[in-house]
């Protein structure tokens, strides 16, 4: 929480309204994924996931969580995370 960088290979639970940076896509092999969820318990917060460097998420630079949800982002191993 509190804006910690997200980590591949585990569930990253968003527990506050911070901006959570993704690691650089190039730091991982292609098809490595990061699971991110915002549980119902923390539904009052609106956290965001943001890219690092020149990376993008499906062409965008952030994802805003407006309520409880769970997503998986997968890297191309270069500069892109995709839903």
PDB file of N, CA and C in Angstrom:
ATOM      1  N   UNK A   1       0.823  -1.203   0.000  1.00  0.00           N
ATOM      2  CA  UNK A   1       0.000   0.000   0.000  1.00  0.00           C
ATOM      3  C   UNK A   1       0.855   1.250   0.000  1.00  0.00           C
ATOM      4  N   UNK A   2       0.235   2.389   0.087  1.00  0.00           N
ATOM      5  CA  UNK A   2       0.894   3.693   0.106  1.00  0.00           C
ATOM      6  C   UNK A   2       1.852   3.889  -1.068  1.00  0.00           C
ATOM      7  N   UNK A   3       1.371   3.568  -2.255  1.00  0.00           N
ATOM      8  CA  UNK A   3       2.143   3.840  -3.454  1.00  0.00           C
ATOM      9  C   UNK A   3       3.289   2.886  -3.716  1.00  0.00           C
ATOM     10  N   UNK A   4       3.273   1.730  -3.090  1.00  0.00           N
ATOM     11  CA  UNK A   4       4.327   0.749  -3.327  1.00  0.00           C
ATOM     12  C   UNK A   4       4.327   0.300  -4.779  1.00  0.00           C
ATOM     13  N   UNK A   5       5.521   0.007  -5.300  1.00  0.00           N
ATOM     14  CA  UNK A   5       5.620  -0.530  -6.653  1.00  0.00           C
ATOM     15  C   UNK A   5       5.018  -1.923  -6.680  1.00  0.00           C
ATOM     16  N   UNK A   6       4.246  -2.211  -7.712  1.00  0.00           N
ATOM     17  CA  UNK A   6       3.592  -3.502  -7.856  1.00  0.00           C
ATOM     18  C   UNK A   6       4.614  -4.563  -8.239  1.00  0.00           C
ATOM     19  N   UNK A   7       4.336  -5.814  -7.873  1.00  0.00           N
ATOM     20  CA  UNK A   7       5.288  -6.902  -8.052  1.00  0.00           C
ATOM     21  C   UNK A   7       4.646  -8.037  -8.841  1.00  0.00           C
ATOM     22  N   UNK A   8       5.376  -8.559  -9.825  1.00  0.00           N
ATOM     23  CA  UNK A   8       4.893  -9.695 -10.614  1.00  0.00           C
ATOM     24  C   UNK A   8       4.916 -10.968  -9.770  1.00  0.00           C
ATOM     25  N   UNK A   9       4.047 -11.916 -10.131  1.00  0.00           N
ATOM     26  CA  UNK A   9       4.047 -13.218  -9.483  1.00  0.00           C
ATOM     27  C   UNK A   9       3.300 -13.283  -8.165  1.00  0.00           C
ATOM     28  N   UNK A  10       2.559 -12.254  -7.835  1.00  0.00           N
ATOM     29  CA  UNK A  10       1.765 -12.267  -6.606  1.00  0.00           C
ATOM     30  C   UNK A  10       0.561 -11.355  -6.791  1.00  0.00           C
ATOM     31  N   UNK A  11      -0.408 -11.494  -5.899  1.00  0.00           N
ATOM     32  CA  UNK A  11      -1.566 -10.605  -5.935  1.00  0.00           C
ATOM     33  C   UNK A  11      -1.189  -9.320  -5.219  1.00  0.00           C
ATOM     34  N   UNK A  12      -1.365  -8.200  -5.881  1.00  0.00           N
ATOM     35  CA  UNK A  12      -1.084  -6.887  -5.311  1.00  0.00           C
ATOM     36  C   UNK A  12      -2.421  -6.276  -4.905  1.00  0.00           C
ATOM     37  N   UNK A  13      -2.626  -6.133  -3.620  1.00  0.00           N
ATOM     38  CA  UNK A  13      -3.894  -5.628  -3.089  1.00  0.00           C
ATOM     39  C   UNK A  13      -3.785  -4.130  -2.827  1.00  0.00           C
ATOM     40  N   UNK A  14      -4.673  -3.358  -3.446  1.00  0.00           N
ATOM     41  CA  UNK A  14      -4.678  -1.910  -3.274  1.00  0.00           C
ATOM     42  C   UNK A  14      -5.566  -1.577  -2.077  1.00  0.00           C
ATOM     43  N   UNK A  15      -4.966  -0.976  -1.053  1.00  0.00           N
ATOM     44  CA  UNK A  15      -5.678  -0.749   0.199  1.00  0.00           C
ATOM     45  C   UNK A  15      -5.858   0.718   0.549  1.00  0.00           C
ATOM     46  N   UNK A  16      -5.471   1.613  -0.347  1.00  0.00           N
ATOM     47  CA  UNK A  16      -5.666   3.044  -0.092  1.00  0.00           C
ATOM     48  C   UNK A  16      -5.793   3.769  -1.426  1.00  0.00           C
ATOM     49  N   UNK A  17      -5.852   5.071  -1.409  1.00  0.00           N
ATOM     50  CA  UNK A  17      -6.073   5.851  -2.616  1.00  0.00           C
ATOM     51  C   UNK A  17      -4.809   6.326  -3.314  1.00  0.00           C
ATOM     52  N   UNK A  18      -3.708   5.670  -3.083  1.00  0.00           N
ATOM     53  CA  UNK A  18      -2.424   6.063  -3.687  1.00  0.00           C
ATOM     54  C   UNK A  18      -2.368   5.751  -5.178  1.00  0.00           C
ATOM     55  N   UNK A  19      -1.301   6.230  -5.813  1.00  0.00           N
ATOM     56  CA  UNK A  19      -0.949   5.836  -7.174  1.00  0.00           C
ATOM     57  C   UNK A  19       0.121   4.763  -7.059  1.00  0.00           C
ATOM     58  N   UNK A  20      -0.131   3.608  -7.646  1.00  0.00           N
ATOM     59  CA  UNK A  20       0.764   2.470  -7.543  1.00  0.00           C
ATOM     60  C   UNK A  20       1.496   2.263  -8.863  1.00  0.00           C
ATOM     61  N   UNK A  21       2.813   2.474  -8.895  1.00  0.00           N
ATOM     62  CA  UNK A  21       3.560   2.334 -10.143  1.00  0.00           C
ATOM     63  C   UNK A  21       3.807   0.875 -10.528  1.00  0.00           C
ATOM     64  N   UNK A  22       3.667   0.605 -11.810  1.00  0.00           N
ATOM     65  CA  UNK A  22       4.064  -0.685 -12.364  1.00  0.00           C
ATOM     66  C   UNK A  22       5.575  -0.682 -12.543  1.00  0.00           C
ATOM     67  N   UNK A  23       6.212  -1.827 -12.420  1.00  0.00           N
ATOM     68  CA  UNK A  23       7.629  -1.874 -12.775  1.00  0.00           C
ATOM     69  C   UNK A  23       7.767  -1.713 -14.287  1.00  0.00           C
ATOM     70  N   UNK A  24       8.937  -1.421 -14.743  1.00  0.00           N
ATOM     71  CA  UNK A  24       9.194  -1.306 -16.181  1.00  0.00           C
ATOM     72  C   UNK A  24       8.906  -2.652 -16.848  1.00  0.00           C
ATOM     73  N   UNK A  25       8.175  -2.606 -17.953  1.00  0.00           N
ATOM     74  CA  UNK A  25       7.826  -3.832 -18.676  1.00  0.00           C
ATOM     75  C   UNK A  25       9.071  -4.602 -19.098  1.00  0.00           C
ATOM     76  N   UNK A  26      10.138  -3.885 -19.432  1.00  0.00           N
ATOM     77  CA  UNK A  26      11.380  -4.525 -19.885  1.00  0.00           C
ATOM     78  C   UNK A  26      12.106  -5.281 -18.775  1.00  0.00           C
ATOM     79  N   UNK A  27      11.699  -5.068 -17.520  1.00  0.00           N
ATOM     80  CA  UNK A  27      12.327  -5.782 -16.406  1.00  0.00           C
ATOM     81  C   UNK A  27      11.875  -7.236 -16.324  1.00  0.00           C
ATOM     82  N   UNK A  28      10.884  -7.616 -17.127  1.00  0.00           N
ATOM     83  CA  UNK A  28      10.318  -8.962 -17.086  1.00  0.00           C
ATOM     84  C   UNK A  28      10.309  -9.576 -18.478  1.00  0.00           C
ATOM     85  N   UNK A  29      10.319 -10.890 -18.532  1.00  0.00           N
ATOM     86  CA  UNK A  29      10.164 -11.593 -19.793  1.00  0.00           C
ATOM     87  C   UNK A  29       8.754 -11.371 -20.330  1.00  0.00           C
ATOM     88  N   UNK A  30       8.589 -11.457 -21.636  1.00  0.00           N
ATOM     89  CA  UNK A  30       7.268 -11.350 -22.256  1.00  0.00           C
ATOM     90  C   UNK A  30       6.323 -12.369 -21.624  1.00  0.00           C
ATOM     91  N   UNK A  31       5.067 -11.984 -21.483  1.00  0.00           N
ATOM     92  CA  UNK A  31       3.980 -12.797 -20.935  1.00  0.00           C
ATOM     93  C   UNK A  31       4.033 -12.985 -19.420  1.00  0.00           C
ATOM     94  N   UNK A  32       4.914 -12.242 -18.736  1.00  0.00           N
ATOM     95  CA  UNK A  32       4.878 -12.220 -17.280  1.00  0.00           C
ATOM     96  C   UNK A  32       3.694 -11.354 -16.873  1.00  0.00           C
ATOM     97  N   UNK A  33       2.987 -11.758 -15.822  1.00  0.00           N
ATOM     98  CA  UNK A  33       1.797 -11.013 -15.434  1.00  0.00           C
ATOM     99  C   UNK A  33       1.868 -10.492 -14.002  1.00  0.00           C
ATOM    100  N   UNK A  34       1.060  -9.478 -13.759  1.00  0.00           N
ATOM    101  CA  UNK A  34       0.879  -8.897 -12.432  1.00  0.00           C
ATOM    102  C   UNK A  34      -0.617  -8.894 -12.150  1.00  0.00           C
ATOM    103  N   UNK A  35      -1.005  -9.502 -11.034  1.00  0.00           N
ATOM    104  CA  UNK A  35      -2.402  -9.483 -10.608  1.00  0.00           C
ATOM    105  C   UNK A  35      -2.599  -8.338  -9.633  1.00  0.00           C
ATOM    106  N   UNK A  36      -3.676  -7.572  -9.856  1.00  0.00           N
ATOM    107  CA  UNK A  36      -3.960  -6.402  -9.032  1.00  0.00           C
ATOM    108  C   UNK A  36      -5.429  -6.445  -8.635  1.00  0.00           C
ATOM    109  N   UNK A  37      -5.705  -6.237  -7.358  1.00  0.00           N
ATOM    110  CA  UNK A  37      -7.101  -6.212  -6.937  1.00  0.00           C
ATOM    111  C   UNK A  37      -7.350  -5.150  -5.877  1.00  0.00           C
ATOM    112  N   UNK A  38      -8.570  -4.662  -5.902  1.00  0.00           N
ATOM    113  CA  UNK A  38      -9.041  -3.767  -4.859  1.00  0.00           C
ATOM    114  C   UNK A  38     -10.225  -4.473  -4.201  1.00  0.00           C
ATOM    115  N   UNK A  39     -10.049  -4.954  -2.965  1.00  0.00           N
ATOM    116  CA  UNK A  39     -11.120  -5.669  -2.272  1.00  0.00           C
ATOM    117  C   UNK A  39     -12.270  -4.742  -1.866  1.00  0.00           C
ATOM    118  N   UNK A  40     -13.413  -5.330  -1.627  1.00  0.00           N
ATOM    119  CA  UNK A  40     -14.608  -4.596  -1.189  1.00  0.00           C
ATOM    120  C   UNK A  40     -14.307  -3.789   0.072  1.00  0.00           C
ATOM    121  N   UNK A  41     -13.508  -4.323   0.970  1.00  0.00           N
ATOM    122  CA  UNK A  41     -13.178  -3.641   2.221  1.00  0.00           C
ATOM    123  C   UNK A  41     -12.607  -2.248   1.987  1.00  0.00           C
ATOM    124  N   UNK A  42     -11.936  -2.043   0.852  1.00  0.00           N
ATOM    125  CA  UNK A  42     -11.299  -0.763   0.554  1.00  0.00           C
ATOM    126  C   UNK A  42     -12.006  -0.008  -0.575  1.00  0.00           C
ATOM    127  N   UNK A  43     -13.284  -0.279  -0.759  1.00  0.00           N
ATOM    128  CA  UNK A  43     -14.071   0.297  -1.859  1.00  0.00           C
ATOM    129  C   UNK A  43     -14.183   1.820  -1.786  1.00  0.00           C
ATOM    130  N   UNK A  44     -14.009   2.412  -0.619  1.00  0.00           N
ATOM    131  CA  UNK A  44     -14.138   3.867  -0.462  1.00  0.00           C
ATOM    132  C   UNK A  44     -12.977   4.618  -1.114  1.00  0.00           C
ATOM    133  N   UNK A  45     -11.884   3.926  -1.403  1.00  0.00           N
ATOM    134  CA  UNK A  45     -10.708   4.562  -1.992  1.00  0.00           C
ATOM    135  C   UNK A  45     -10.743   4.467  -3.514  1.00  0.00           C
ATOM    136  N   UNK A  46     -10.054   5.382  -4.178  1.00  0.00           N
ATOM    137  CA  UNK A  46      -9.936   5.343  -5.640  1.00  0.00           C
ATOM    138  C   UNK A  46      -8.453   5.347  -6.028  1.00  0.00           C
ATOM    139  N   UNK A  47      -7.790   4.204  -5.859  1.00  0.00           N
ATOM    140  CA  UNK A  47      -6.377   4.117  -6.224  1.00  0.00           C
ATOM    141  C   UNK A  47      -6.200   4.091  -7.732  1.00  0.00           C
ATOM    142  N   UNK A  48      -4.983   4.320  -8.158  1.00  0.00           N
ATOM    143  CA  UNK A  48      -4.662   4.196  -9.583  1.00  0.00           C
ATOM    144  C   UNK A  48      -3.379   3.405  -9.746  1.00  0.00           C
ATOM    145  N   UNK A  49      -3.269   2.778 -10.895  1.00  0.00           N
ATOM    146  CA  UNK A  49      -2.057   2.079 -11.304  1.00  0.00           C
ATOM    147  C   UNK A  49      -1.456   2.926 -12.417  1.00  0.00           C
ATOM    148  N   UNK A  50      -0.180   3.261 -12.285  1.00  0.00           N
ATOM    149  CA  UNK A  50       0.479   4.133 -13.262  1.00  0.00           C
ATOM    150  C   UNK A  50       1.701   3.429 -13.847  1.00  0.00           C
ATOM    151  N   UNK A  51       2.060   3.812 -15.060  1.00  0.00           N
ATOM    152  CA  UNK A  51       3.229   3.207 -15.707  1.00  0.00           C
ATOM    153  C   UNK A  51       4.512   3.905 -15.256  1.00  0.00           C
ATOM    154  N   UNK A  52       5.612   3.244 -15.505  1.00  0.00           N
ATOM    155  CA  UNK A  52       6.933   3.808 -15.233  1.00  0.00           C
ATOM    156  C   UNK A  52       7.618   4.101 -16.560  1.00  0.00           C
ATOM    157  N   UNK A  53       8.450   5.124 -16.581  1.00  0.00           N
ATOM    158  CA  UNK A  53       9.197   5.459 -17.786  1.00  0.00           C
ATOM    159  C   UNK A  53       8.285   5.730 -18.960  1.00  0.00           C
ATOM    160  N   UNK A  54       8.625   5.199 -20.123  1.00  0.00           N
ATOM    161  CA  UNK A  54       7.843   5.392 -21.336  1.00  0.00           C
ATOM    162  C   UNK A  54       6.864   4.265 -21.608  1.00  0.00           C
ATOM    163  N   UNK A  55       6.625   3.401 -20.628  1.00  0.00           N
ATOM    164  CA  UNK A  55       5.703   2.279 -20.798  1.00  0.00           C
ATOM    165  C   UNK A  55       4.263   2.762 -20.973  1.00  0.00           C
ATOM    166  N   UNK A  56       3.400   1.846 -21.380  1.00  0.00           N
ATOM    167  CA  UNK A  56       1.975   2.147 -21.462  1.00  0.00           C
ATOM    168  C   UNK A  56       1.161   0.914 -21.092  1.00  0.00           C
ATOM    169  N   UNK A  57      -0.102   1.157 -20.793  1.00  0.00           N
ATOM    170  CA  UNK A  57      -1.074   0.099 -20.514  1.00  0.00           C
ATOM    171  C   UNK A  57      -2.125   0.211 -21.606  1.00  0.00           C
ATOM    172  N   UNK A  58      -2.076  -0.675 -22.585  1.00  0.00           N
ATOM    173  CA  UNK A  58      -3.001  -0.598 -23.728  1.00  0.00           C
ATOM    174  C   UNK A  58      -3.026   0.804 -24.322  1.00  0.00           C
ATOM    175  N   UNK A  59      -1.880   1.468 -24.378  1.00  0.00           N
ATOM    176  CA  UNK A  59      -1.782   2.800 -24.964  1.00  0.00           C
ATOM    177  C   UNK A  59      -2.031   3.942 -24.000  1.00  0.00           C
ATOM    178  N   UNK A  60      -2.452   3.661 -22.783  1.00  0.00           N
ATOM    179  CA  UNK A  60      -2.696   4.686 -21.762  1.00  0.00           C
ATOM    180  C   UNK A  60      -1.578   4.680 -20.731  1.00  0.00           C
ATOM    181  N   UNK A  61      -1.633   5.638 -19.816  1.00  0.00           N
ATOM    182  CA  UNK A  61      -0.591   5.732 -18.787  1.00  0.00           C
ATOM    183  C   UNK A  61      -1.070   5.378 -17.393  1.00  0.00           C
ATOM    184  N   UNK A  62      -2.382   5.147 -17.229  1.00  0.00           N
ATOM    185  CA  UNK A  62      -2.879   4.792 -15.902  1.00  0.00           C
ATOM    186  C   UNK A  62      -4.214   4.069 -15.979  1.00  0.00           C
ATOM    187  N   UNK A  63      -4.557   3.427 -14.863  1.00  0.00           N
ATOM    188  CA  UNK A  63      -5.859   2.797 -14.673  1.00  0.00           C
ATOM    189  C   UNK A  63      -6.379   3.288 -13.333  1.00  0.00           C
ATOM    190  N   UNK A  64      -7.577   3.836 -13.313  1.00  0.00           N
ATOM    191  CA  UNK A  64      -8.203   4.302 -12.079  1.00  0.00           C
ATOM    192  C   UNK A  64      -9.193   3.245 -11.605  1.00  0.00           C
ATOM    193  N   UNK A  65      -9.070   2.834 -10.353  1.00  0.00           N
ATOM    194  CA  UNK A  65      -9.992   1.874  -9.755  1.00  0.00           C
ATOM    195  C   UNK A  65     -11.113   2.648  -9.077  1.00  0.00           C
ATOM    196  N   UNK A  66     -12.316   2.531  -9.606  1.00  0.00           N
ATOM    197  CA  UNK A  66     -13.467   3.269  -9.073  1.00  0.00           C
ATOM    198  C   UNK A  66     -14.316   2.409  -8.143  1.00  0.00           C
ATOM    199  N   UNK A  67     -13.916   1.198  -7.924  1.00  0.00           N
ATOM    200  CA  UNK A  67     -14.640   0.290  -7.043  1.00  0.00           C
ATOM    201  C   UNK A  67     -13.939  -1.056  -7.028  1.00  0.00           C
ATOM    202  N   UNK A  68     -14.394  -1.944  -6.198  1.00  0.00           N
ATOM    203  CA  UNK A  68     -13.745  -3.255  -6.074  1.00  0.00           C
ATOM    204  C   UNK A  68     -13.631  -3.953  -7.431  1.00  0.00           C
ATOM    205  N   UNK A  69     -12.451  -4.422  -7.730  1.00  0.00           N
ATOM    206  CA  UNK A  69     -12.216  -5.120  -8.988  1.00  0.00           C
ATOM    207  C   UNK A  69     -10.925  -5.920  -8.902  1.00  0.00           C
ATOM    208  N   UNK A  70     -10.704  -6.736  -9.900  1.00  0.00           N
ATOM    209  CA  UNK A  70      -9.488  -7.531  -9.999  1.00  0.00           C
ATOM    210  C   UNK A  70      -9.077  -7.570 -11.466  1.00  0.00           C
ATOM    211  N   UNK A  71      -7.804  -7.288 -11.747  1.00  0.00           N
ATOM    212  CA  UNK A  71      -7.308  -7.314 -13.124  1.00  0.00           C
ATOM    213  C   UNK A  71      -5.977  -8.051 -13.183  1.00  0.00           C
ATOM    214  N   UNK A  72      -5.625  -8.452 -14.380  1.00  0.00           N
ATOM    215  CA  UNK A  72      -4.311  -9.041 -14.642  1.00  0.00           C
ATOM    216  C   UNK A  72      -3.692  -8.264 -15.797  1.00  0.00           C
ATOM    217  N   UNK A  73      -2.483  -7.749 -15.582  1.00  0.00           N
ATOM    218  CA  UNK A  73      -1.733  -7.077 -16.634  1.00  0.00           C
ATOM    219  C   UNK A  73      -0.586  -7.991 -17.054  1.00  0.00           C
ATOM    220  N   UNK A  74      -0.362  -8.079 -18.353  1.00  0.00           N
ATOM    221  CA  UNK A  74       0.687  -8.931 -18.908  1.00  0.00           C
ATOM    222  C   UNK A  74       1.639  -8.062 -19.720  1.00  0.00           C
ATOM    223  N   UNK A  75       2.936  -8.306 -19.575  1.00  0.00           N
ATOM    224  CA  UNK A  75       3.930  -7.502 -20.283  1.00  0.00           C
ATOM    225  C   UNK A  75       4.342  -8.124 -21.616  1.00  0.00           C
ATOM    226  N   UNK A  76       4.757  -7.268 -22.526  1.00  0.00           N
ATOM    227  CA  UNK A  76       5.340  -7.750 -23.783  1.00  0.00           C
ATOM    228  C   UNK A  76       6.855  -7.883 -23.648  1.00  0.00           C
ATOM    229  N   UNK A  77       7.383  -7.557 -22.462  1.00  0.00           N
ATOM    230  CA  UNK A  77       8.813  -7.658 -22.219  1.00  0.00           C
ATOM    231  C   UNK A  77       9.621  -6.491 -22.765  1.00  0.00           C
ATOM    232  N   UNK A  78       8.919  -5.468 -23.295  1.00  0.00           N
ATOM    233  CA  UNK A  78       9.601  -4.324 -23.885  1.00  0.00           C
ATOM    234  C   UNK A  78       9.119  -3.022 -23.253  1.00  0.00           C
ATOM    235  N   UNK A  79       7.884  -2.608 -23.576  1.00  0.00           N
ATOM    236  CA  UNK A  79       7.393  -1.316 -23.069  1.00  0.00           C
ATOM    237  C   UNK A  79       5.878  -1.256 -22.902  1.00  0.00           C
ATOM    238  N   UNK A  80       5.227  -2.391 -22.921  1.00  0.00           N
ATOM    239  CA  UNK A  80       3.758  -2.403 -22.897  1.00  0.00           C
ATOM    240  C   UNK A  80       3.226  -3.394 -21.872  1.00  0.00           C
ATOM    241  N   UNK A  81       2.216  -2.946 -21.134  1.00  0.00           N
ATOM    242  CA  UNK A  81       1.407  -3.826 -20.289  1.00  0.00           C
ATOM    243  C   UNK A  81       0.029  -3.868 -20.938  1.00  0.00           C
ATOM    244  N   UNK A  82      -0.580  -5.035 -20.966  1.00  0.00           N
ATOM    245  CA  UNK A  82      -1.911  -5.145 -21.571  1.00  0.00           C
ATOM    246  C   UNK A  82      -2.870  -5.822 -20.594  1.00  0.00           C
ATOM    247  N   UNK A  83      -4.144  -5.455 -20.730  1.00  0.00           N
ATOM    248  CA  UNK A  83      -5.188  -6.088 -19.915  1.00  0.00           C
ATOM    249  C   UNK A  83      -5.527  -7.444 -20.491  1.00  0.00           C
TER     250      UNK A  83
END
